[in-house]
Amino acid sequence: MDFFSFFKKKESEASKDVAKDRLKLVLVHDRVNCSSQVLEMLKIDIIKVISNYMEIDEEELDIQITQTQSEDNTGTVPVLYANIPIKSMRKVGQEH
C-alpha cells in the first residue's frame, strides 16, 4: 500500500464531506427563501441589538440557518443558529 494514498483518501473524503455540508446549507437557505444578503442583514441587526447589552466578538460571530428535526418528528424544519461570543456585559445605559 502506498503510504501517501492513505492520506489522499482522507483528504478527498474530508473534501467530499465539506462539499456535502455546503450543498445542504445552500438547499436549506433556498427552502426558507433566505438569500445570503438577507442572512447578512439579519446578522447586522442581531449585532446592533445585542451590542446594546454586551460587548461581543464580531469576528468569531457565527450565524446560519440549518435544519433540525421537527418537534412532532414529521420532518425537518429550518432553525436560526447563532453562536455569539460575549466579551463582557454592559451596564444599563452605558454607551458602546
PDB file of N, CA and C in Angstrom:
ATOM      1  N   MET A   1       0.854  -1.183   0.000  1.00  0.00           N
ATOM      2  CA  MET A   1       0.000   0.000   0.000  1.00  0.00           C
ATOM      3  C   MET A   1       0.893   1.237   0.000  1.00  0.00           C
ATOM      4  N   ASP A   2       0.555   2.179  -0.864  1.00  0.00           N
ATOM      5  CA  ASP A   2       1.294   3.425  -0.951  1.00  0.00           C
ATOM      6  C   ASP A   2       0.993   4.266   0.290  1.00  0.00           C
ATOM      7  N   PHE A   3       2.038   4.707   0.955  1.00  0.00           N
ATOM      8  CA  PHE A   3       1.900   5.481   2.183  1.00  0.00           C
ATOM      9  C   PHE A   3       1.087   6.754   1.949  1.00  0.00           C
ATOM     10  N   PHE A   4       1.322   7.447   0.846  1.00  0.00           N
ATOM     11  CA  PHE A   4       0.648   8.716   0.592  1.00  0.00           C
ATOM     12  C   PHE A   4      -0.803   8.534   0.170  1.00  0.00           C
ATOM     13  N   SER A   5      -1.144   7.413  -0.390  1.00  0.00           N
ATOM     14  CA  SER A   5      -2.535   7.190  -0.797  1.00  0.00           C
ATOM     15  C   SER A   5      -3.451   7.145   0.428  1.00  0.00           C
ATOM     16  N   PHE A   6      -2.913   6.731   1.555  1.00  0.00           N
ATOM     17  CA  PHE A   6      -3.684   6.711   2.790  1.00  0.00           C
ATOM     18  C   PHE A   6      -4.166   8.115   3.143  1.00  0.00           C
ATOM     19  N   PHE A   7      -3.288   9.117   3.004  1.00  0.00           N
ATOM     20  CA  PHE A   7      -3.637  10.495   3.333  1.00  0.00           C
ATOM     21  C   PHE A   7      -4.534  11.121   2.266  1.00  0.00           C
ATOM     22  N   LYS A   8      -4.308  10.795   1.026  1.00  0.00           N
ATOM     23  CA  LYS A   8      -5.122  11.351  -0.062  1.00  0.00           C
ATOM     24  C   LYS A   8      -6.574  10.917   0.081  1.00  0.00           C
ATOM     25  N   LYS A   9      -6.780   9.701   0.482  1.00  0.00           N
ATOM     26  CA  LYS A   9      -8.138   9.207   0.649  1.00  0.00           C
ATOM     27  C   LYS A   9      -8.867  10.003   1.724  1.00  0.00           C
ATOM     28  N   LYS A  10      -8.216  10.241   2.845  1.00  0.00           N
ATOM     29  CA  LYS A  10      -8.842  11.009   3.917  1.00  0.00           C
ATOM     30  C   LYS A  10      -9.121  12.429   3.478  1.00  0.00           C
ATOM     31  N   GLU A  11      -8.175  13.038   2.731  1.00  0.00           N
ATOM     32  CA  GLU A  11      -8.381  14.397   2.260  1.00  0.00           C
ATOM     33  C   GLU A  11      -9.573  14.463   1.321  1.00  0.00           C
ATOM     34  N   SER A  12      -9.688  13.506   0.402  1.00  0.00           N
ATOM     35  CA  SER A  12     -10.807  13.524  -0.540  1.00  0.00           C
ATOM     36  C   SER A  12     -12.124  13.272   0.181  1.00  0.00           C
ATOM     37  N   GLU A  13     -12.116  12.413   1.191  1.00  0.00           N
ATOM     38  CA  GLU A  13     -13.324  12.183   1.973  1.00  0.00           C
ATOM     39  C   GLU A  13     -13.707  13.434   2.738  1.00  0.00           C
ATOM     40  N   ALA A  14     -12.721  14.117   3.303  1.00  0.00           N
ATOM     41  CA  ALA A  14     -12.999  15.353   4.031  1.00  0.00           C
ATOM     42  C   ALA A  14     -13.541  16.402   3.071  1.00  0.00           C
ATOM     43  N   SER A  15     -12.956  16.531   1.885  1.00  0.00           N
ATOM     44  CA  SER A  15     -13.437  17.484   0.884  1.00  0.00           C
ATOM     45  C   SER A  15     -14.860  17.155   0.468  1.00  0.00           C
ATOM     46  N   LYS A  16     -15.130  15.863   0.322  1.00  0.00           N
ATOM     47  CA  LYS A  16     -16.476  15.424  -0.049  1.00  0.00           C
ATOM     48  C   LYS A  16     -17.479  15.812   1.038  1.00  0.00           C
ATOM     49  N   ASP A  17     -17.102  15.626   2.289  1.00  0.00           N
ATOM     50  CA  ASP A  17     -17.996  15.974   3.394  1.00  0.00           C
ATOM     51  C   ASP A  17     -18.232  17.477   3.469  1.00  0.00           C
ATOM     52  N   VAL A  18     -17.181  18.263   3.254  1.00  0.00           N
ATOM     53  CA  VAL A  18     -17.322  19.723   3.262  1.00  0.00           C
ATOM     54  C   VAL A  18     -18.255  20.157   2.136  1.00  0.00           C
ATOM     55  N   ALA A  19     -18.054  19.612   0.951  1.00  0.00           N
ATOM     56  CA  ALA A  19     -18.909  19.949  -0.189  1.00  0.00           C
ATOM     57  C   ALA A  19     -20.363  19.556   0.085  1.00  0.00           C
ATOM     58  N   LYS A  20     -20.553  18.393   0.690  1.00  0.00           N
ATOM     59  CA  LYS A  20     -21.902  17.921   1.017  1.00  0.00           C
ATOM     60  C   LYS A  20     -22.565  18.857   2.029  1.00  0.00           C
ATOM     61  N   ASP A  21     -21.818  19.285   3.056  1.00  0.00           N
ATOM     62  CA  ASP A  21     -22.357  20.210   4.058  1.00  0.00           C
ATOM     63  C   ASP A  21     -22.709  21.553   3.437  1.00  0.00           C
ATOM     64  N   ARG A  22     -21.856  22.038   2.533  1.00  0.00           N
ATOM     65  CA  ARG A  22     -22.143  23.310   1.857  1.00  0.00           C
ATOM     66  C   ARG A  22     -23.393  23.207   1.005  1.00  0.00           C
ATOM     67  N   LEU A  23     -23.545  22.101   0.314  1.00  0.00           N
ATOM     68  CA  LEU A  23     -24.743  21.906  -0.504  1.00  0.00           C
ATOM     69  C   LEU A  23     -25.993  21.870   0.369  1.00  0.00           C
ATOM     70  N   LYS A  24     -25.920  21.188   1.498  1.00  0.00           N
ATOM     71  CA  LYS A  24     -27.056  21.155   2.424  1.00  0.00           C
ATOM     72  C   LYS A  24     -27.422  22.568   2.868  1.00  0.00           C
ATOM     73  N   LEU A  25     -26.398  23.376   3.184  1.00  0.00           N
ATOM     74  CA  LEU A  25     -26.629  24.753   3.628  1.00  0.00           C
ATOM     75  C   LEU A  25     -27.301  25.567   2.529  1.00  0.00           C
ATOM     76  N   VAL A  26     -26.849  25.412   1.290  1.00  0.00           N
ATOM     77  CA  VAL A  26     -27.458  26.124   0.164  1.00  0.00           C
ATOM     78  C   VAL A  26     -28.912  25.695  -0.002  1.00  0.00           C
ATOM     79  N   LEU A  27     -29.177  24.397   0.108  1.00  0.00           N
ATOM     80  CA  LEU A  27     -30.546  23.901  -0.030  1.00  0.00           C
ATOM     81  C   LEU A  27     -31.453  24.417   1.080  1.00  0.00           C
ATOM     82  N   VAL A  28     -30.954  24.471   2.296  1.00  0.00           N
ATOM     83  CA  VAL A  28     -31.741  24.986   3.419  1.00  0.00           C
ATOM     84  C   VAL A  28     -32.063  26.446   3.182  1.00  0.00           C
ATOM     85  N   HIS A  29     -31.077  27.238   2.785  1.00  0.00           N
ATOM     86  CA  HIS A  29     -31.303  28.661   2.531  1.00  0.00           C
ATOM     87  C   HIS A  29     -32.330  28.842   1.422  1.00  0.00           C
ATOM     88  N   ASP A  30     -32.263  27.997   0.410  1.00  0.00           N
ATOM     89  CA  ASP A  30     -33.204  28.081  -0.698  1.00  0.00           C
ATOM     90  C   ASP A  30     -34.615  27.730  -0.236  1.00  0.00           C
ATOM     91  N   ARG A  31     -34.735  26.710   0.578  1.00  0.00           N
ATOM     92  CA  ARG A  31     -36.067  26.268   1.047  1.00  0.00           C
ATOM     93  C   ARG A  31     -36.740  27.310   1.922  1.00  0.00           C
ATOM     94  N   VAL A  32     -35.978  28.055   2.715  1.00  0.00           N
ATOM     95  CA  VAL A  32     -36.573  29.070   3.585  1.00  0.00           C
ATOM     96  C   VAL A  32     -36.533  30.451   2.930  1.00  0.00           C
ATOM     97  N   ASN A  33     -36.149  30.473   1.640  1.00  0.00           N
ATOM     98  CA  ASN A  33     -36.108  31.701   0.857  1.00  0.00           C
ATOM     99  C   ASN A  33     -35.266  32.769   1.559  1.00  0.00           C
ATOM    100  N   CYS A  34     -34.087  32.390   1.985  1.00  0.00           N
ATOM    101  CA  CYS A  34     -33.183  33.299   2.691  1.00  0.00           C
ATOM    102  C   CYS A  34     -31.880  33.413   1.904  1.00  0.00           C
ATOM    103  N   SER A  35     -31.726  34.521   1.210  1.00  0.00           N
ATOM    104  CA  SER A  35     -30.510  34.737   0.427  1.00  0.00           C
ATOM    105  C   SER A  35     -29.359  35.098   1.358  1.00  0.00           C
ATOM    106  N   SER A  36     -28.171  35.089   0.820  1.00  0.00           N
ATOM    107  CA  SER A  36     -27.006  35.475   1.624  1.00  0.00           C
ATOM    108  C   SER A  36     -27.106  36.940   2.045  1.00  0.00           C
ATOM    109  N   GLN A  37     -27.755  37.781   1.205  1.00  0.00           N
ATOM    110  CA  GLN A  37     -27.939  39.189   1.562  1.00  0.00           C
ATOM    111  C   GLN A  37     -28.869  39.331   2.765  1.00  0.00           C
ATOM    112  N   VAL A  38     -29.946  38.550   2.770  1.00  0.00           N
ATOM    113  CA  VAL A  38     -30.886  38.596   3.895  1.00  0.00           C
ATOM    114  C   VAL A  38     -30.199  38.091   5.154  1.00  0.00           C
ATOM    115  N   LEU A  39     -29.426  37.032   5.049  1.00  0.00           N
ATOM    116  CA  LEU A  39     -28.716  36.498   6.204  1.00  0.00           C
ATOM    117  C   LEU A  39     -27.722  37.526   6.740  1.00  0.00           C
ATOM    118  N   GLU A  40     -27.049  38.248   5.855  1.00  0.00           N
ATOM    119  CA  GLU A  40     -26.093  39.285   6.281  1.00  0.00           C
ATOM    120  C   GLU A  40     -26.820  40.447   6.968  1.00  0.00           C
ATOM    121  N   MET A  41     -27.977  40.862   6.445  1.00  0.00           N
ATOM    122  CA  MET A  41     -28.760  41.924   7.088  1.00  0.00           C
ATOM    123  C   MET A  41     -29.236  41.473   8.465  1.00  0.00           C
ATOM    124  N   LEU A  42     -29.660  40.226   8.569  1.00  0.00           N
ATOM    125  CA  LEU A  42     -30.081  39.669   9.846  1.00  0.00           C
ATOM    126  C   LEU A  42     -28.931  39.693  10.845  1.00  0.00           C
ATOM    127  N   LYS A  43     -27.747  39.302  10.381  1.00  0.00           N
ATOM    128  CA  LYS A  43     -26.551  39.303  11.219  1.00  0.00           C
ATOM    129  C   LYS A  43     -26.254  40.714  11.729  1.00  0.00           C
ATOM    130  N   ILE A  44     -26.333  41.705  10.862  1.00  0.00           N
ATOM    131  CA  ILE A  44     -26.075  43.102  11.246  1.00  0.00           C
ATOM    132  C   ILE A  44     -27.085  43.564  12.285  1.00  0.00           C
ATOM    133  N   ASP A  45     -28.356  43.235  12.076  1.00  0.00           N
ATOM    134  CA  ASP A  45     -29.389  43.627  13.042  1.00  0.00           C
ATOM    135  C   ASP A  45     -29.183  42.957  14.397  1.00  0.00           C
ATOM    136  N   ILE A  46     -28.830  41.682  14.388  1.00  0.00           N
ATOM    137  CA  ILE A  46     -28.580  40.969  15.646  1.00  0.00           C
ATOM    138  C   ILE A  46     -27.407  41.606  16.386  1.00  0.00           C
ATOM    139  N   ILE A  47     -26.349  41.938  15.664  1.00  0.00           N
ATOM    140  CA  ILE A  47     -25.183  42.592  16.274  1.00  0.00           C
ATOM    141  C   ILE A  47     -25.588  43.913  16.915  1.00  0.00           C
ATOM    142  N   LYS A  48     -26.389  44.721  16.207  1.00  0.00           N
ATOM    143  CA  LYS A  48     -26.838  46.018  16.738  1.00  0.00           C
ATOM    144  C   LYS A  48     -27.584  45.850  18.051  1.00  0.00           C
ATOM    145  N   VAL A  49     -28.532  44.926  18.067  1.00  0.00           N
ATOM    146  CA  VAL A  49     -29.363  44.740  19.255  1.00  0.00           C
ATOM    147  C   VAL A  49     -28.548  44.202  20.426  1.00  0.00           C
ATOM    148  N   ILE A  50     -27.782  43.167  20.190  1.00  0.00           N
ATOM    149  CA  ILE A  50     -27.018  42.543  21.268  1.00  0.00           C
ATOM    150  C   ILE A  50     -25.949  43.493  21.802  1.00  0.00           C
ATOM    151  N   SER A  51     -25.393  44.330  20.928  1.00  0.00           N
ATOM    152  CA  SER A  51     -24.348  45.277  21.342  1.00  0.00           C
ATOM    153  C   SER A  51     -24.868  46.319  22.324  1.00  0.00           C
ATOM    154  N   ASN A  52     -26.188  46.498  22.391  1.00  0.00           N
ATOM    155  CA  ASN A  52     -26.758  47.402  23.394  1.00  0.00           C
ATOM    156  C   ASN A  52     -26.594  46.847  24.802  1.00  0.00           C
ATOM    157  N   TYR A  53     -26.441  45.544  24.928  1.00  0.00           N
ATOM    158  CA  TYR A  53     -26.413  44.897  26.234  1.00  0.00           C
ATOM    159  C   TYR A  53     -25.078  44.261  26.597  1.00  0.00           C
ATOM    160  N   MET A  54     -24.266  43.968  25.568  1.00  0.00           N
ATOM    161  CA  MET A  54     -22.995  43.313  25.848  1.00  0.00           C
ATOM    162  C   MET A  54     -22.000  43.591  24.734  1.00  0.00           C
ATOM    163  N   GLU A  55     -20.732  43.466  25.071  1.00  0.00           N
ATOM    164  CA  GLU A  55     -19.681  43.574  24.065  1.00  0.00           C
ATOM    165  C   GLU A  55     -19.440  42.166  23.530  1.00  0.00           C
ATOM    166  N   ILE A  56     -19.494  42.038  22.212  1.00  0.00           N
ATOM    167  CA  ILE A  56     -19.344  40.725  21.596  1.00  0.00           C
ATOM    168  C   ILE A  56     -18.132  40.698  20.669  1.00  0.00           C
ATOM    169  N   ASP A  57     -17.674  39.506  20.383  1.00  0.00           N
ATOM    170  CA  ASP A  57     -16.561  39.314  19.453  1.00  0.00           C
ATOM    171  C   ASP A  57     -17.171  39.098  18.065  1.00  0.00           C
ATOM    172  N   GLU A  58     -17.260  40.186  17.285  1.00  0.00           N
ATOM    173  CA  GLU A  58     -17.920  40.122  15.983  1.00  0.00           C
ATOM    174  C   GLU A  58     -17.178  39.236  14.988  1.00  0.00           C
ATOM    175  N   GLU A  59     -15.871  39.119  15.129  1.00  0.00           N
ATOM    176  CA  GLU A  59     -15.102  38.290  14.200  1.00  0.00           C
ATOM    177  C   GLU A  59     -15.373  36.805  14.394  1.00  0.00           C
ATOM    178  N   GLU A  60     -15.715  36.406  15.597  1.00  0.00           N
ATOM    179  CA  GLU A  60     -15.992  34.992  15.892  1.00  0.00           C
ATOM    180  C   GLU A  60     -17.486  34.675  15.846  1.00  0.00           C
ATOM    181  N   LEU A  61     -18.306  35.670  15.569  1.00  0.00           N
ATOM    182  CA  LEU A  61     -19.748  35.505  15.482  1.00  0.00           C
ATOM    183  C   LEU A  61     -20.095  34.534  14.357  1.00  0.00           C
ATOM    184  N   ASP A  62     -20.999  33.610  14.623  1.00  0.00           N
ATOM    185  CA  ASP A  62     -21.407  32.636  13.620  1.00  0.00           C
ATOM    186  C   ASP A  62     -22.927  32.552  13.616  1.00  0.00           C
ATOM    187  N   ILE A  63     -23.544  33.030  12.529  1.00  0.00           N
ATOM    188  CA  ILE A  63     -24.992  32.969  12.391  1.00  0.00           C
ATOM    189  C   ILE A  63     -25.300  32.232  11.094  1.00  0.00           C
ATOM    190  N   GLN A  64     -26.159  31.234  11.185  1.00  0.00           N
ATOM    191  CA  GLN A  64     -26.513  30.464   9.999  1.00  0.00           C
ATOM    192  C   GLN A  64     -27.894  29.863  10.156  1.00  0.00           C
ATOM    193  N   ILE A  65     -28.435  29.443   9.040  1.00  0.00           N
ATOM    194  CA  ILE A  65     -29.717  28.746   9.051  1.00  0.00           C
ATOM    195  C   ILE A  65     -29.436  27.282   8.746  1.00  0.00           C
ATOM    196  N   THR A  66     -29.919  26.418   9.617  1.00  0.00           N
ATOM    197  CA  THR A  66     -29.706  24.982   9.451  1.00  0.00           C
ATOM    198  C   THR A  66     -31.060  24.277   9.520  1.00  0.00           C
ATOM    199  N   GLN A  67     -31.030  22.978   9.520  1.00  0.00           N
ATOM    200  CA  GLN A  67     -32.253  22.180   9.633  1.00  0.00           C
ATOM    201  C   GLN A  67     -32.171  21.320  10.890  1.00  0.00           C
ATOM    202  N   THR A  68     -33.307  21.081  11.489  1.00  0.00           N
ATOM    203  CA  THR A  68     -33.386  20.184  12.628  1.00  0.00           C
ATOM    204  C   THR A  68     -34.695  19.410  12.553  1.00  0.00           C
ATOM    205  N   GLN A  69     -34.768  18.332  13.291  1.00  0.00           N
ATOM    206  CA  GLN A  69     -35.982  17.514  13.325  1.00  0.00           C
ATOM    207  C   GLN A  69     -37.105  18.311  13.981  1.00  0.00           C
ATOM    208  N   SER A  70     -38.297  18.260  13.407  1.00  0.00           N
ATOM    209  CA  SER A  70     -39.443  18.955  13.995  1.00  0.00           C
ATOM    210  C   SER A  70     -39.818  18.305  15.318  1.00  0.00           C
ATOM    211  N   GLU A  71     -40.513  19.065  16.157  1.00  0.00           N
ATOM    212  CA  GLU A  71     -40.895  18.550  17.479  1.00  0.00           C
ATOM    213  C   GLU A  71     -41.820  17.344  17.380  1.00  0.00           C
ATOM    214  N   ASP A  72     -42.647  17.312  16.348  1.00  0.00           N
ATOM    215  CA  ASP A  72     -43.569  16.180  16.198  1.00  0.00           C
ATOM    216  C   ASP A  72     -42.984  15.058  15.339  1.00  0.00           C
ATOM    217  N   ASN A  73     -41.681  15.170  15.027  1.00  0.00           N
ATOM    218  CA  ASN A  73     -40.944  14.158  14.262  1.00  0.00           C
ATOM    219  C   ASN A  73     -41.562  13.832  12.905  1.00  0.00           C
ATOM    220  N   THR A  74     -42.166  14.838  12.265  1.00  0.00           N
ATOM    221  CA  THR A  74     -42.760  14.614  10.950  1.00  0.00           C
ATOM    222  C   THR A  74     -41.847  15.072   9.812  1.00  0.00           C
ATOM    223  N   GLY A  75     -40.699  15.570  10.159  1.00  0.00           N
ATOM    224  CA  GLY A  75     -39.769  16.050   9.134  1.00  0.00           C
ATOM    225  C   GLY A  75     -38.773  17.015   9.745  1.00  0.00           C
ATOM    226  N   THR A  76     -38.171  17.796   8.879  1.00  0.00           N
ATOM    227  CA  THR A  76     -37.210  18.779   9.355  1.00  0.00           C
ATOM    228  C   THR A  76     -37.762  20.186   9.185  1.00  0.00           C
ATOM    229  N   VAL A  77     -37.254  21.093  10.005  1.00  0.00           N
ATOM    230  CA  VAL A  77     -37.659  22.500   9.953  1.00  0.00           C
ATOM    231  C   VAL A  77     -36.407  23.364   9.981  1.00  0.00           C
ATOM    232  N   PRO A  78     -36.478  24.561   9.369  1.00  0.00           N
ATOM    233  CA  PRO A  78     -35.320  25.461   9.415  1.00  0.00           C
ATOM    234  C   PRO A  78     -35.153  26.044  10.814  1.00  0.00           C
ATOM    235  N   VAL A  79     -33.892  26.266  11.196  1.00  0.00           N
ATOM    236  CA  VAL A  79     -33.563  26.811  12.509  1.00  0.00           C
ATOM    237  C   VAL A  79     -32.490  27.879  12.330  1.00  0.00           C
ATOM    238  N   LEU A  80     -32.660  29.003  13.011  1.00  0.00           N
ATOM    239  CA  LEU A  80     -31.626  30.031  13.020  1.00  0.00           C
ATOM    240  C   LEU A  80     -30.663  29.691  14.144  1.00  0.00           C
ATOM    241  N   TYR A  81     -29.403  29.508  13.791  1.00  0.00           N
ATOM    242  CA  TYR A  81     -28.362  29.154  14.748  1.00  0.00           C
ATOM    243  C   TYR A  81     -27.464  30.367  14.918  1.00  0.00           C
ATOM    244  N   ALA A  82     -27.241  30.793  16.158  1.00  0.00           N
ATOM    245  CA  ALA A  82     -26.360  31.926  16.422  1.00  0.00           C
ATOM    246  C   ALA A  82     -25.395  31.564  17.544  1.00  0.00           C
ATOM    247  N   ASN A  83     -24.113  31.611  17.247  1.00  0.00           N
ATOM    248  CA  ASN A  83     -23.064  31.409  18.234  1.00  0.00           C
ATOM    249  C   ASN A  83     -22.379  32.762  18.379  1.00  0.00           C
ATOM    250  N   ILE A  84     -22.619  33.433  19.513  1.00  0.00           N
ATOM    251  CA  ILE A  84     -22.161  34.806  19.705  1.00  0.00           C
ATOM    252  C   ILE A  84     -21.265  34.880  20.934  1.00  0.00           C
ATOM    253  N   PRO A  85     -19.946  34.935  20.728  1.00  0.00           N
ATOM    254  CA  PRO A  85     -19.029  35.033  21.866  1.00  0.00           C
ATOM    255  C   PRO A  85     -19.180  36.387  22.573  1.00  0.00           C
ATOM    256  N   ILE A  86     -19.374  36.352  23.874  1.00  0.00           N
ATOM    257  CA  ILE A  86     -19.564  37.570  24.674  1.00  0.00           C
ATOM    258  C   ILE A  86     -18.258  37.911  25.373  1.00  0.00           C
ATOM    259  N   LYS A  87     -17.793  39.146  25.149  1.00  0.00           N
ATOM    260  CA  LYS A  87     -16.578  39.612  25.818  1.00  0.00           C
ATOM    261  C   LYS A  87     -16.903  40.138  27.210  1.00  0.00           C
ATOM    262  N   SER A  88     -17.965  40.932  27.316  1.00  0.00           N
ATOM    263  CA  SER A  88     -18.359  41.462  28.620  1.00  0.00           C
ATOM    264  C   SER A  88     -19.785  42.005  28.537  1.00  0.00           C
ATOM    265  N   MET A  89     -20.395  42.150  29.712  1.00  0.00           N
ATOM    266  CA  MET A  89     -21.726  42.713  29.789  1.00  0.00           C
ATOM    267  C   MET A  89     -21.601  44.228  29.939  1.00  0.00           C
ATOM    268  N   ARG A  90     -22.561  44.957  29.376  1.00  0.00           N
ATOM    269  CA  ARG A  90     -22.577  46.418  29.513  1.00  0.00           C
ATOM    270  C   ARG A  90     -23.487  46.786  30.683  1.00  0.00           C
ATOM    271  N   LYS A  91     -23.169  47.899  31.338  1.00  0.00           N
ATOM    272  CA  LYS A  91     -24.044  48.413  32.361  1.00  0.00           C
ATOM    273  C   LYS A  91     -25.223  49.085  31.648  1.00  0.00           C
ATOM    274  N   VAL A  92     -26.391  49.046  32.265  1.00  0.00           N
ATOM    275  CA  VAL A  92     -27.589  49.646  31.663  1.00  0.00           C
ATOM    276  C   VAL A  92     -27.323  51.123  31.419  1.00  0.00           C
ATOM    277  N   GLY A  93     -27.592  51.577  30.209  1.00  0.00           N
ATOM    278  CA  GLY A  93     -27.393  52.980  29.851  1.00  0.00           C
ATOM    279  C   GLY A  93     -25.971  53.299  29.398  1.00  0.00           C
ATOM    280  N   GLN A  94     -25.075  52.338  29.416  1.00  0.00           N
ATOM    281  CA  GLN A  94     -23.685  52.570  29.004  1.00  0.00           C
ATOM    282  C   GLN A  94     -23.608  52.626  27.489  1.00  0.00           C
ATOM    283  N   GLU A  95     -22.922  53.627  26.961  1.00  0.00           N
ATOM    284  CA  GLU A  95     -22.760  53.771  25.517  1.00  0.00           C
ATOM    285  C   GLU A  95     -21.747  52.757  25.014  1.00  0.00           C
ATOM    286  N   HIS A  96     -21.869  52.375  23.753  1.00  0.00           N
ATOM    287  CA  HIS A  96     -20.893  51.456  23.151  1.00  0.00           C
ATOM    288  C   HIS A  96     -20.175  52.086  22.028  1.00  0.00           C
TER     289      HIS A  96
END
